[in-house]
N, C-alpha and C. Protein backbone atom coordinates (compact mmCIF):
# COMPACT_ATOMS: atom_id res chain seq x y z
N MET A 1 -24.98 -78.50 -5.15
CA MET A 1 -23.71 -78.94 -4.65
C MET A 1 -22.59 -78.25 -5.43
N ILE A 2 -21.64 -77.71 -4.72
CA ILE A 2 -20.50 -77.03 -5.34
C ILE A 2 -19.30 -77.96 -5.33
N ARG A 3 -18.70 -78.11 -6.48
CA ARG A 3 -17.50 -78.94 -6.57
C ARG A 3 -16.30 -78.03 -6.82
N LEU A 4 -15.30 -78.24 -6.04
CA LEU A 4 -14.07 -77.49 -6.23
C LEU A 4 -13.09 -78.35 -7.02
N HIS A 5 -12.53 -77.78 -8.04
CA HIS A 5 -11.51 -78.46 -8.83
C HIS A 5 -10.19 -77.77 -8.55
N LEU A 6 -9.29 -78.50 -7.99
CA LEU A 6 -7.97 -77.95 -7.72
C LEU A 6 -7.05 -78.24 -8.88
N TYR A 7 -6.34 -77.24 -9.28
CA TYR A 7 -5.36 -77.40 -10.34
C TYR A 7 -4.07 -77.87 -9.68
N VAL A 8 -3.72 -79.10 -9.94
CA VAL A 8 -2.51 -79.66 -9.34
C VAL A 8 -1.47 -79.80 -10.44
N ARG A 9 -0.36 -79.20 -10.18
CA ARG A 9 0.73 -79.24 -11.15
C ARG A 9 2.02 -79.35 -10.37
N THR A 10 2.93 -80.14 -10.86
CA THR A 10 4.24 -80.26 -10.22
C THR A 10 5.31 -80.28 -11.30
N LEU A 11 6.50 -79.88 -10.90
CA LEU A 11 7.62 -79.99 -11.81
C LEU A 11 7.92 -81.46 -12.03
N ASN A 12 8.41 -81.78 -13.20
CA ASN A 12 8.76 -83.15 -13.53
C ASN A 12 10.15 -83.45 -12.97
N THR A 13 10.19 -83.96 -11.75
CA THR A 13 11.48 -84.24 -11.12
C THR A 13 12.16 -85.47 -11.70
N ALA A 14 11.47 -86.23 -12.53
CA ALA A 14 12.11 -87.37 -13.20
C ALA A 14 13.25 -86.89 -14.10
N CYS A 15 13.20 -85.62 -14.50
CA CYS A 15 14.27 -85.04 -15.32
C CYS A 15 15.61 -84.99 -14.58
N PHE A 16 15.56 -85.18 -13.27
CA PHE A 16 16.77 -85.09 -12.47
C PHE A 16 17.34 -86.47 -12.10
N LYS A 17 16.78 -87.52 -12.64
CA LYS A 17 17.30 -88.86 -12.33
C LYS A 17 18.63 -89.11 -13.02
N LEU A 18 18.71 -88.78 -14.28
CA LEU A 18 19.95 -88.85 -15.06
C LEU A 18 20.22 -87.47 -15.64
N PHE A 19 21.49 -87.09 -15.69
CA PHE A 19 21.80 -85.77 -16.22
C PHE A 19 21.36 -85.69 -17.68
N PRO A 20 20.57 -84.66 -18.02
CA PRO A 20 20.03 -84.56 -19.38
C PRO A 20 21.07 -84.03 -20.37
N GLU A 21 21.46 -84.85 -21.31
CA GLU A 21 22.32 -84.38 -22.39
C GLU A 21 21.45 -83.76 -23.45
N LEU A 22 21.85 -82.59 -23.91
CA LEU A 22 21.12 -81.89 -24.96
C LEU A 22 22.04 -81.72 -26.16
N HIS A 23 21.44 -81.62 -27.33
CA HIS A 23 22.22 -81.45 -28.56
C HIS A 23 21.64 -80.30 -29.37
N THR A 24 22.52 -79.53 -29.95
CA THR A 24 22.13 -78.47 -30.87
C THR A 24 22.85 -78.75 -32.18
N PRO A 25 22.61 -77.98 -33.22
CA PRO A 25 23.32 -78.25 -34.48
C PRO A 25 24.85 -78.24 -34.34
N ARG A 26 25.39 -77.41 -33.43
CA ARG A 26 26.85 -77.31 -33.33
C ARG A 26 27.44 -77.77 -32.00
N MET A 27 26.58 -78.08 -31.04
CA MET A 27 27.10 -78.37 -29.71
C MET A 27 26.43 -79.57 -29.05
N GLN A 28 27.18 -80.11 -28.13
CA GLN A 28 26.66 -81.09 -27.18
C GLN A 28 26.66 -80.37 -25.84
N LEU A 29 25.55 -80.45 -25.11
CA LEU A 29 25.45 -79.88 -23.77
C LEU A 29 25.45 -81.05 -22.82
N ARG A 30 26.48 -81.12 -21.98
CA ARG A 30 26.69 -82.28 -21.13
C ARG A 30 27.04 -81.86 -19.71
N ALA A 31 27.07 -82.85 -18.83
CA ALA A 31 27.46 -82.60 -17.43
C ALA A 31 28.92 -82.14 -17.38
N LEU A 32 29.21 -81.37 -16.36
CA LEU A 32 30.59 -80.93 -16.13
C LEU A 32 31.27 -81.89 -15.17
N HIS A 33 32.55 -82.12 -15.40
CA HIS A 33 33.33 -83.06 -14.61
C HIS A 33 34.57 -82.36 -14.04
N GLU A 34 35.23 -83.02 -13.11
CA GLU A 34 36.46 -82.48 -12.53
C GLU A 34 37.48 -82.14 -13.61
N ALA A 35 37.54 -82.94 -14.64
CA ALA A 35 38.50 -82.71 -15.73
C ALA A 35 38.23 -81.38 -16.47
N ASP A 36 37.04 -80.81 -16.30
CA ASP A 36 36.70 -79.54 -16.94
C ASP A 36 37.15 -78.33 -16.14
N ALA A 37 37.67 -78.56 -14.95
CA ALA A 37 38.04 -77.45 -14.06
C ALA A 37 39.01 -76.45 -14.70
N PRO A 38 40.03 -76.87 -15.45
CA PRO A 38 40.91 -75.86 -16.05
C PRO A 38 40.19 -74.90 -16.99
N VAL A 39 39.22 -75.40 -17.75
CA VAL A 39 38.48 -74.52 -18.66
C VAL A 39 37.54 -73.62 -17.85
N VAL A 40 36.87 -74.16 -16.84
CA VAL A 40 36.00 -73.34 -16.00
C VAL A 40 36.82 -72.25 -15.31
N PHE A 41 38.02 -72.60 -14.84
CA PHE A 41 38.90 -71.59 -14.24
C PHE A 41 39.26 -70.52 -15.27
N GLN A 42 39.57 -70.93 -16.48
CA GLN A 42 39.91 -69.97 -17.54
C GLN A 42 38.74 -69.01 -17.79
N LEU A 43 37.52 -69.53 -17.81
CA LEU A 43 36.34 -68.70 -18.04
C LEU A 43 36.16 -67.69 -16.91
N TYR A 44 36.20 -68.17 -15.68
CA TYR A 44 35.91 -67.33 -14.53
C TYR A 44 37.08 -66.47 -14.07
N SER A 45 38.23 -66.66 -14.69
CA SER A 45 39.36 -65.78 -14.38
C SER A 45 39.58 -64.74 -15.48
N ASP A 46 38.73 -64.74 -16.48
CA ASP A 46 38.83 -63.80 -17.60
C ASP A 46 38.01 -62.55 -17.28
N PRO A 47 38.66 -61.40 -17.14
CA PRO A 47 37.94 -60.16 -16.80
C PRO A 47 36.88 -59.78 -17.83
N ARG A 48 37.04 -60.18 -19.08
CA ARG A 48 36.03 -59.86 -20.11
C ARG A 48 34.72 -60.58 -19.82
N ILE A 49 34.83 -61.81 -19.34
CA ILE A 49 33.64 -62.60 -19.02
C ILE A 49 33.03 -62.11 -17.71
N MET A 50 33.87 -61.79 -16.75
CA MET A 50 33.40 -61.42 -15.42
C MET A 50 32.95 -59.97 -15.31
N ARG A 51 33.16 -59.21 -16.35
CA ARG A 51 32.88 -57.77 -16.33
C ARG A 51 31.49 -57.43 -15.79
N TYR A 52 30.48 -58.19 -16.17
CA TYR A 52 29.10 -57.88 -15.78
C TYR A 52 28.54 -58.83 -14.73
N ARG A 53 29.37 -59.65 -14.13
CA ARG A 53 28.88 -60.66 -13.19
C ARG A 53 28.74 -60.17 -11.77
N GLY A 54 29.41 -59.10 -11.41
CA GLY A 54 29.33 -58.62 -10.03
C GLY A 54 29.94 -59.60 -9.05
N ALA A 55 31.04 -60.20 -9.46
CA ALA A 55 31.74 -61.18 -8.64
C ALA A 55 33.22 -61.11 -8.99
N PRO A 56 34.07 -61.52 -8.06
CA PRO A 56 35.50 -61.45 -8.35
C PRO A 56 35.93 -62.48 -9.39
N VAL A 57 36.97 -62.13 -10.14
CA VAL A 57 37.55 -63.11 -11.05
C VAL A 57 38.25 -64.17 -10.20
N PHE A 58 38.26 -65.38 -10.70
CA PHE A 58 38.93 -66.46 -9.98
C PHE A 58 40.45 -66.24 -10.03
N THR A 59 41.10 -66.47 -8.92
CA THR A 59 42.56 -66.38 -8.86
C THR A 59 43.19 -67.70 -8.46
N GLN A 60 42.41 -68.62 -7.96
CA GLN A 60 42.90 -69.93 -7.52
C GLN A 60 42.21 -71.03 -8.32
N PRO A 61 42.96 -71.90 -8.98
CA PRO A 61 42.34 -72.96 -9.79
C PRO A 61 41.37 -73.84 -9.01
N GLU A 62 41.62 -74.07 -7.73
CA GLU A 62 40.71 -74.94 -6.96
C GLU A 62 39.31 -74.34 -6.80
N THR A 63 39.17 -73.05 -7.05
CA THR A 63 37.85 -72.42 -7.01
C THR A 63 36.95 -73.02 -8.10
N ALA A 64 37.52 -73.34 -9.23
CA ALA A 64 36.75 -73.96 -10.31
C ALA A 64 36.29 -75.35 -9.91
N ASP A 65 37.16 -76.11 -9.21
CA ASP A 65 36.75 -77.43 -8.72
C ASP A 65 35.54 -77.31 -7.81
N ALA A 66 35.58 -76.32 -6.91
CA ALA A 66 34.48 -76.11 -5.97
C ALA A 66 33.20 -75.71 -6.69
N LEU A 67 33.33 -74.89 -7.72
CA LEU A 67 32.15 -74.45 -8.47
C LEU A 67 31.50 -75.63 -9.20
N ILE A 68 32.30 -76.46 -9.83
CA ILE A 68 31.76 -77.64 -10.51
C ILE A 68 31.07 -78.56 -9.50
N ALA A 69 31.68 -78.75 -8.34
CA ALA A 69 31.06 -79.58 -7.30
C ALA A 69 29.74 -78.97 -6.84
N GLN A 70 29.70 -77.64 -6.71
CA GLN A 70 28.47 -76.96 -6.31
C GLN A 70 27.37 -77.17 -7.36
N TRP A 71 27.71 -77.04 -8.64
CA TRP A 71 26.73 -77.25 -9.70
C TRP A 71 26.22 -78.69 -9.69
N ASN A 72 27.12 -79.64 -9.54
CA ASN A 72 26.71 -81.05 -9.53
C ASN A 72 25.88 -81.39 -8.30
N ASN A 73 26.20 -80.80 -7.18
CA ASN A 73 25.41 -80.98 -5.95
C ASN A 73 24.00 -80.41 -6.13
N ALA A 74 23.90 -79.26 -6.77
CA ALA A 74 22.58 -78.65 -7.02
C ALA A 74 21.72 -79.59 -7.88
N PHE A 75 22.34 -80.24 -8.87
CA PHE A 75 21.58 -81.17 -9.70
C PHE A 75 21.10 -82.35 -8.87
N GLU A 76 21.98 -82.90 -8.05
CA GLU A 76 21.60 -84.05 -7.21
C GLU A 76 20.44 -83.70 -6.27
N LYS A 77 20.39 -82.45 -5.82
CA LYS A 77 19.32 -82.01 -4.92
C LYS A 77 18.12 -81.43 -5.68
N GLN A 78 18.14 -81.53 -7.00
CA GLN A 78 17.07 -81.02 -7.86
C GLN A 78 16.85 -79.52 -7.66
N GLN A 79 17.96 -78.80 -7.48
CA GLN A 79 17.89 -77.35 -7.27
C GLN A 79 18.51 -76.57 -8.42
N GLY A 80 19.04 -77.26 -9.41
CA GLY A 80 19.65 -76.57 -10.53
C GLY A 80 20.29 -77.57 -11.47
N VAL A 81 20.68 -77.06 -12.63
CA VAL A 81 21.39 -77.89 -13.60
C VAL A 81 22.28 -76.98 -14.43
N ARG A 82 23.54 -77.37 -14.57
CA ARG A 82 24.51 -76.57 -15.34
C ARG A 82 25.18 -77.49 -16.36
N TRP A 83 25.10 -77.07 -17.61
CA TRP A 83 25.68 -77.84 -18.70
C TRP A 83 27.02 -77.25 -19.12
N GLY A 84 27.90 -78.12 -19.58
CA GLY A 84 29.09 -77.69 -20.30
C GLY A 84 28.73 -77.60 -21.76
N LEU A 85 29.13 -76.51 -22.41
CA LEU A 85 28.83 -76.30 -23.83
C LEU A 85 30.05 -76.77 -24.63
N VAL A 86 29.88 -77.84 -25.36
CA VAL A 86 31.00 -78.50 -26.04
C VAL A 86 30.76 -78.47 -27.55
N LEU A 87 31.73 -77.95 -28.30
CA LEU A 87 31.63 -77.95 -29.75
C LEU A 87 31.71 -79.38 -30.26
N GLN A 88 30.78 -79.75 -31.13
CA GLN A 88 30.77 -81.11 -31.67
C GLN A 88 31.95 -81.36 -32.59
N GLU A 89 32.38 -80.33 -33.32
CA GLU A 89 33.43 -80.52 -34.32
C GLU A 89 34.78 -80.93 -33.74
N ASN A 90 35.07 -80.49 -32.50
CA ASN A 90 36.39 -80.82 -31.93
C ASN A 90 36.35 -81.16 -30.44
N ASN A 91 35.15 -81.33 -29.89
CA ASN A 91 34.98 -81.72 -28.48
C ASN A 91 35.61 -80.71 -27.51
N THR A 92 35.54 -79.42 -27.84
CA THR A 92 36.12 -78.36 -27.01
C THR A 92 35.04 -77.73 -26.12
N LEU A 93 35.31 -77.68 -24.82
CA LEU A 93 34.42 -76.99 -23.88
C LEU A 93 34.63 -75.49 -24.05
N ILE A 94 33.56 -74.76 -24.36
CA ILE A 94 33.69 -73.33 -24.65
C ILE A 94 32.89 -72.45 -23.69
N GLY A 95 32.11 -73.04 -22.80
CA GLY A 95 31.32 -72.26 -21.88
C GLY A 95 30.44 -73.15 -21.04
N THR A 96 29.61 -72.52 -20.21
CA THR A 96 28.63 -73.25 -19.42
C THR A 96 27.34 -72.46 -19.41
N ALA A 97 26.25 -73.14 -19.13
CA ALA A 97 24.94 -72.48 -19.03
C ALA A 97 24.00 -73.40 -18.27
N GLY A 98 23.02 -72.81 -17.62
CA GLY A 98 22.03 -73.63 -16.95
C GLY A 98 21.16 -72.87 -15.99
N PHE A 99 20.42 -73.64 -15.21
CA PHE A 99 19.44 -73.10 -14.28
C PHE A 99 19.96 -73.11 -12.85
N THR A 100 19.69 -72.02 -12.16
CA THR A 100 19.95 -71.92 -10.74
C THR A 100 18.65 -71.46 -10.08
N LYS A 101 18.64 -71.49 -8.80
CA LYS A 101 17.49 -70.97 -8.05
C LYS A 101 16.16 -71.55 -8.52
N PHE A 102 16.09 -72.87 -8.63
CA PHE A 102 14.81 -73.50 -8.95
C PHE A 102 13.81 -73.17 -7.85
N ASN A 103 12.63 -72.72 -8.24
CA ASN A 103 11.55 -72.44 -7.32
C ASN A 103 10.39 -73.33 -7.77
N ALA A 104 10.42 -74.57 -7.29
CA ALA A 104 9.46 -75.58 -7.74
C ALA A 104 8.02 -75.17 -7.43
N MET A 105 7.79 -74.54 -6.30
CA MET A 105 6.43 -74.17 -5.92
C MET A 105 5.82 -73.20 -6.92
N ASN A 106 6.64 -72.34 -7.51
CA ASN A 106 6.15 -71.36 -8.46
C ASN A 106 6.58 -71.63 -9.90
N PHE A 107 7.17 -72.80 -10.15
CA PHE A 107 7.54 -73.23 -11.49
C PHE A 107 8.46 -72.23 -12.19
N ARG A 108 9.44 -71.74 -11.42
CA ARG A 108 10.38 -70.74 -11.92
C ARG A 108 11.81 -71.21 -11.73
N ALA A 109 12.69 -70.69 -12.55
CA ALA A 109 14.12 -70.91 -12.37
C ALA A 109 14.85 -69.73 -13.00
N GLU A 110 16.04 -69.46 -12.49
CA GLU A 110 16.89 -68.42 -13.06
C GLU A 110 17.93 -69.08 -13.96
N ILE A 111 18.22 -68.44 -15.07
CA ILE A 111 19.20 -68.97 -16.01
C ILE A 111 20.47 -68.13 -15.96
N GLY A 112 21.61 -68.79 -16.10
CA GLY A 112 22.89 -68.10 -16.14
C GLY A 112 23.79 -68.76 -17.17
N TYR A 113 24.81 -68.04 -17.63
CA TYR A 113 25.64 -68.56 -18.72
C TYR A 113 26.89 -67.71 -18.89
N GLU A 114 27.90 -68.33 -19.50
CA GLU A 114 29.09 -67.62 -19.93
C GLU A 114 29.73 -68.40 -21.07
N LEU A 115 30.42 -67.66 -21.94
CA LEU A 115 31.01 -68.24 -23.14
C LEU A 115 32.40 -67.63 -23.31
N HIS A 116 33.36 -68.46 -23.71
CA HIS A 116 34.71 -67.96 -23.96
C HIS A 116 34.66 -66.89 -25.04
N PRO A 117 35.37 -65.77 -24.86
CA PRO A 117 35.32 -64.66 -25.83
C PRO A 117 35.70 -65.04 -27.26
N ASP A 118 36.52 -66.07 -27.44
CA ASP A 118 36.86 -66.49 -28.81
C ASP A 118 35.64 -66.96 -29.59
N PHE A 119 34.54 -67.22 -28.88
CA PHE A 119 33.34 -67.75 -29.53
C PHE A 119 32.15 -66.79 -29.46
N TRP A 120 32.39 -65.56 -29.04
CA TRP A 120 31.33 -64.56 -29.01
C TRP A 120 30.90 -64.21 -30.43
N ASN A 121 29.68 -63.73 -30.56
CA ASN A 121 29.12 -63.21 -31.82
C ASN A 121 29.03 -64.25 -32.93
N ARG A 122 28.79 -65.50 -32.55
CA ARG A 122 28.61 -66.56 -33.54
C ARG A 122 27.25 -67.24 -33.38
N GLY A 123 26.43 -66.75 -32.46
CA GLY A 123 25.12 -67.34 -32.24
C GLY A 123 25.14 -68.61 -31.41
N LEU A 124 26.29 -68.95 -30.85
CA LEU A 124 26.40 -70.19 -30.08
C LEU A 124 25.62 -70.14 -28.77
N MET A 125 25.68 -69.02 -28.07
CA MET A 125 24.95 -68.96 -26.80
C MET A 125 23.45 -68.95 -27.05
N THR A 126 23.01 -68.26 -28.08
CA THR A 126 21.58 -68.29 -28.43
C THR A 126 21.15 -69.73 -28.72
N GLU A 127 21.97 -70.45 -29.46
CA GLU A 127 21.68 -71.85 -29.80
C GLU A 127 21.60 -72.71 -28.54
N ALA A 128 22.56 -72.54 -27.64
CA ALA A 128 22.57 -73.34 -26.41
C ALA A 128 21.38 -73.00 -25.52
N LEU A 129 21.10 -71.71 -25.34
CA LEU A 129 20.00 -71.31 -24.46
C LEU A 129 18.65 -71.70 -25.04
N LYS A 130 18.54 -71.77 -26.34
CA LYS A 130 17.28 -72.24 -26.95
C LYS A 130 17.02 -73.68 -26.52
N ALA A 131 18.04 -74.53 -26.58
CA ALA A 131 17.88 -75.92 -26.16
C ALA A 131 17.59 -76.01 -24.66
N ILE A 132 18.26 -75.19 -23.87
CA ILE A 132 18.10 -75.23 -22.41
C ILE A 132 16.72 -74.74 -22.00
N THR A 133 16.26 -73.64 -22.58
CA THR A 133 14.94 -73.12 -22.22
C THR A 133 13.83 -74.06 -22.68
N THR A 134 14.02 -74.67 -23.84
CA THR A 134 13.03 -75.66 -24.30
C THR A 134 12.96 -76.82 -23.33
N TRP A 135 14.11 -77.34 -22.90
CA TRP A 135 14.14 -78.42 -21.91
C TRP A 135 13.45 -77.97 -20.61
N GLY A 136 13.75 -76.77 -20.17
CA GLY A 136 13.17 -76.28 -18.92
C GLY A 136 11.66 -76.18 -18.96
N ILE A 137 11.11 -75.71 -20.06
CA ILE A 137 9.66 -75.53 -20.16
C ILE A 137 8.96 -76.84 -20.53
N LYS A 138 9.44 -77.51 -21.55
CA LYS A 138 8.75 -78.72 -22.03
C LYS A 138 9.00 -79.94 -21.15
N ASP A 139 10.23 -80.14 -20.73
CA ASP A 139 10.55 -81.37 -19.99
C ASP A 139 10.35 -81.25 -18.48
N THR A 140 10.73 -80.13 -17.89
CA THR A 140 10.57 -80.03 -16.44
C THR A 140 9.25 -79.39 -16.04
N GLY A 141 8.65 -78.62 -16.93
CA GLY A 141 7.38 -77.98 -16.61
C GLY A 141 7.50 -76.59 -16.03
N LEU A 142 8.65 -75.93 -16.23
CA LEU A 142 8.78 -74.56 -15.74
C LEU A 142 7.76 -73.66 -16.44
N HIS A 143 7.23 -72.70 -15.71
CA HIS A 143 6.33 -71.71 -16.29
C HIS A 143 7.12 -70.45 -16.67
N THR A 144 8.12 -70.10 -15.86
CA THR A 144 8.87 -68.87 -16.07
C THR A 144 10.36 -69.12 -15.90
N ILE A 145 11.13 -68.60 -16.84
CA ILE A 145 12.58 -68.61 -16.74
C ILE A 145 13.02 -67.16 -16.64
N GLU A 146 13.85 -66.88 -15.66
CA GLU A 146 14.27 -65.51 -15.37
C GLU A 146 15.77 -65.37 -15.61
N ALA A 147 16.16 -64.23 -16.14
CA ALA A 147 17.57 -63.88 -16.29
C ALA A 147 17.79 -62.54 -15.60
N ASN A 148 18.83 -62.46 -14.81
CA ASN A 148 19.18 -61.25 -14.07
C ASN A 148 20.51 -60.77 -14.63
N ILE A 149 20.49 -59.66 -15.37
CA ILE A 149 21.71 -59.19 -16.02
C ILE A 149 21.99 -57.74 -15.66
N ALA A 150 23.23 -57.34 -15.84
CA ALA A 150 23.58 -55.93 -15.71
C ALA A 150 22.95 -55.20 -16.89
N PRO A 151 22.25 -54.10 -16.66
CA PRO A 151 21.54 -53.41 -17.75
C PRO A 151 22.44 -53.01 -18.91
N GLU A 152 23.72 -52.75 -18.64
CA GLU A 152 24.62 -52.33 -19.71
C GLU A 152 25.22 -53.50 -20.49
N ASN A 153 24.85 -54.72 -20.15
CA ASN A 153 25.35 -55.89 -20.86
C ASN A 153 24.52 -56.11 -22.12
N SER A 154 24.84 -55.35 -23.16
CA SER A 154 24.04 -55.36 -24.38
C SER A 154 24.10 -56.70 -25.11
N ALA A 155 25.21 -57.41 -25.03
CA ALA A 155 25.30 -58.72 -25.71
C ALA A 155 24.34 -59.72 -25.08
N SER A 156 24.30 -59.76 -23.76
CA SER A 156 23.38 -60.66 -23.08
C SER A 156 21.94 -60.27 -23.36
N LYS A 157 21.67 -58.99 -23.37
CA LYS A 157 20.33 -58.50 -23.67
C LYS A 157 19.88 -58.97 -25.05
N ARG A 158 20.77 -58.88 -26.05
CA ARG A 158 20.43 -59.32 -27.41
C ARG A 158 20.12 -60.81 -27.46
N VAL A 159 20.94 -61.61 -26.77
CA VAL A 159 20.70 -63.06 -26.75
C VAL A 159 19.33 -63.35 -26.16
N LEU A 160 19.04 -62.75 -25.02
CA LEU A 160 17.75 -63.01 -24.35
C LEU A 160 16.58 -62.58 -25.22
N GLU A 161 16.67 -61.41 -25.83
CA GLU A 161 15.57 -60.92 -26.66
C GLU A 161 15.36 -61.79 -27.90
N LYS A 162 16.44 -62.34 -28.46
CA LYS A 162 16.30 -63.26 -29.61
C LYS A 162 15.49 -64.49 -29.22
N LEU A 163 15.58 -64.87 -27.95
CA LEU A 163 14.88 -66.07 -27.47
C LEU A 163 13.47 -65.77 -26.96
N GLY A 164 13.06 -64.52 -27.02
CA GLY A 164 11.71 -64.16 -26.59
C GLY A 164 11.60 -63.67 -25.16
N PHE A 165 12.72 -63.50 -24.47
CA PHE A 165 12.68 -62.93 -23.12
C PHE A 165 12.26 -61.47 -23.20
N VAL A 166 11.55 -61.01 -22.19
CA VAL A 166 11.08 -59.63 -22.11
C VAL A 166 11.57 -59.02 -20.81
N ARG A 167 12.04 -57.79 -20.89
CA ARG A 167 12.47 -57.12 -19.66
C ARG A 167 11.26 -56.73 -18.84
N GLU A 168 11.21 -57.22 -17.60
CA GLU A 168 10.08 -56.95 -16.73
C GLU A 168 10.39 -55.96 -15.62
N ALA A 169 11.66 -55.83 -15.28
CA ALA A 169 11.98 -54.96 -14.14
C ALA A 169 13.40 -54.44 -14.25
N LEU A 170 13.60 -53.32 -13.59
CA LEU A 170 14.94 -52.77 -13.40
C LEU A 170 15.05 -52.40 -11.93
N PHE A 171 15.93 -53.07 -11.25
CA PHE A 171 16.17 -52.78 -9.84
C PHE A 171 17.43 -51.94 -9.72
N ARG A 172 17.30 -50.80 -9.15
CA ARG A 172 18.43 -49.88 -9.00
C ARG A 172 19.18 -50.18 -7.71
N GLU A 173 20.50 -50.29 -7.87
CA GLU A 173 21.41 -50.49 -6.74
C GLU A 173 20.93 -51.58 -5.78
N ASN A 174 20.56 -52.71 -6.34
CA ASN A 174 20.05 -53.81 -5.51
C ASN A 174 21.10 -54.87 -5.21
N TYR A 175 22.32 -54.66 -5.69
CA TYR A 175 23.36 -55.66 -5.52
C TYR A 175 24.68 -54.93 -5.25
N PHE A 176 25.41 -55.41 -4.27
CA PHE A 176 26.67 -54.74 -3.94
C PHE A 176 27.86 -55.67 -4.15
N TYR A 177 28.78 -55.25 -5.00
CA TYR A 177 30.09 -55.88 -5.16
C TYR A 177 31.03 -54.78 -5.64
N GLU A 178 31.91 -54.36 -4.77
CA GLU A 178 32.83 -53.25 -5.07
C GLU A 178 32.08 -52.03 -5.58
N GLY A 179 30.91 -51.81 -5.10
CA GLY A 179 30.04 -50.72 -5.52
C GLY A 179 28.65 -51.26 -5.79
N TRP A 180 27.71 -50.36 -6.02
CA TRP A 180 26.32 -50.75 -6.26
C TRP A 180 26.09 -51.08 -7.72
N TRP A 181 25.32 -52.13 -7.94
CA TRP A 181 24.97 -52.59 -9.28
C TRP A 181 23.45 -52.54 -9.45
N ASP A 182 23.03 -52.25 -10.66
CA ASP A 182 21.62 -52.36 -11.03
C ASP A 182 21.39 -53.75 -11.63
N SER A 183 20.16 -54.21 -11.62
CA SER A 183 19.80 -55.49 -12.21
C SER A 183 18.62 -55.33 -13.15
N ALA A 184 18.76 -55.81 -14.36
CA ALA A 184 17.65 -55.87 -15.31
C ALA A 184 17.14 -57.31 -15.29
N ILE A 185 15.84 -57.47 -15.07
CA ILE A 185 15.24 -58.79 -14.98
C ILE A 185 14.47 -59.07 -16.26
N TYR A 186 14.87 -60.14 -16.94
CA TYR A 186 14.21 -60.59 -18.16
C TYR A 186 13.52 -61.92 -17.87
N THR A 187 12.35 -62.13 -18.46
CA THR A 187 11.65 -63.39 -18.25
C THR A 187 11.15 -63.97 -19.56
N LEU A 188 11.04 -65.28 -19.55
CA LEU A 188 10.45 -66.04 -20.63
C LEU A 188 9.39 -66.92 -20.01
N HIS A 189 8.17 -66.87 -20.53
CA HIS A 189 7.06 -67.66 -20.01
C HIS A 189 6.72 -68.76 -21.01
N GLU A 190 6.23 -69.87 -20.45
CA GLU A 190 5.84 -71.00 -21.30
C GLU A 190 4.83 -70.58 -22.34
């Protein structure tokens, strides 16, 4: 008699019942609210931050309101989670980071992030992404976390490599925004 054993695994959707607050040595990672829209607008209207995003800079403040609503809606539908990165020392929102494009069937999600330039080169994004990737793998059960970056974005590349991400692919001219963009795909496996 032959017995078949099926490997059954599912993402832990209980993680989406309440928004997961995370803590690092210097930051609190929390849900974003309407009151955060001015800071989100500041981030997405800064050409230094948007340089490698392949998207237009924000010109209308209400665009930030819509983005926060989109992130919160994704969480409610268990399709993503975006945290506000808040300094513990003064309760200042300095960036956002989180998962988009949850692929529950394949235990994958894409990670995205941005940080105000005043806080670049201090290890803050590495610290935040370490907490986020740990939550994604240990708490939700993700097998793979993917980052899609512009190949010339050396700062993002350094952050990802510090966290153990490995470049798996380079897609040439696979994205169009005011011209063709290449994409470097980095992954982190459980």
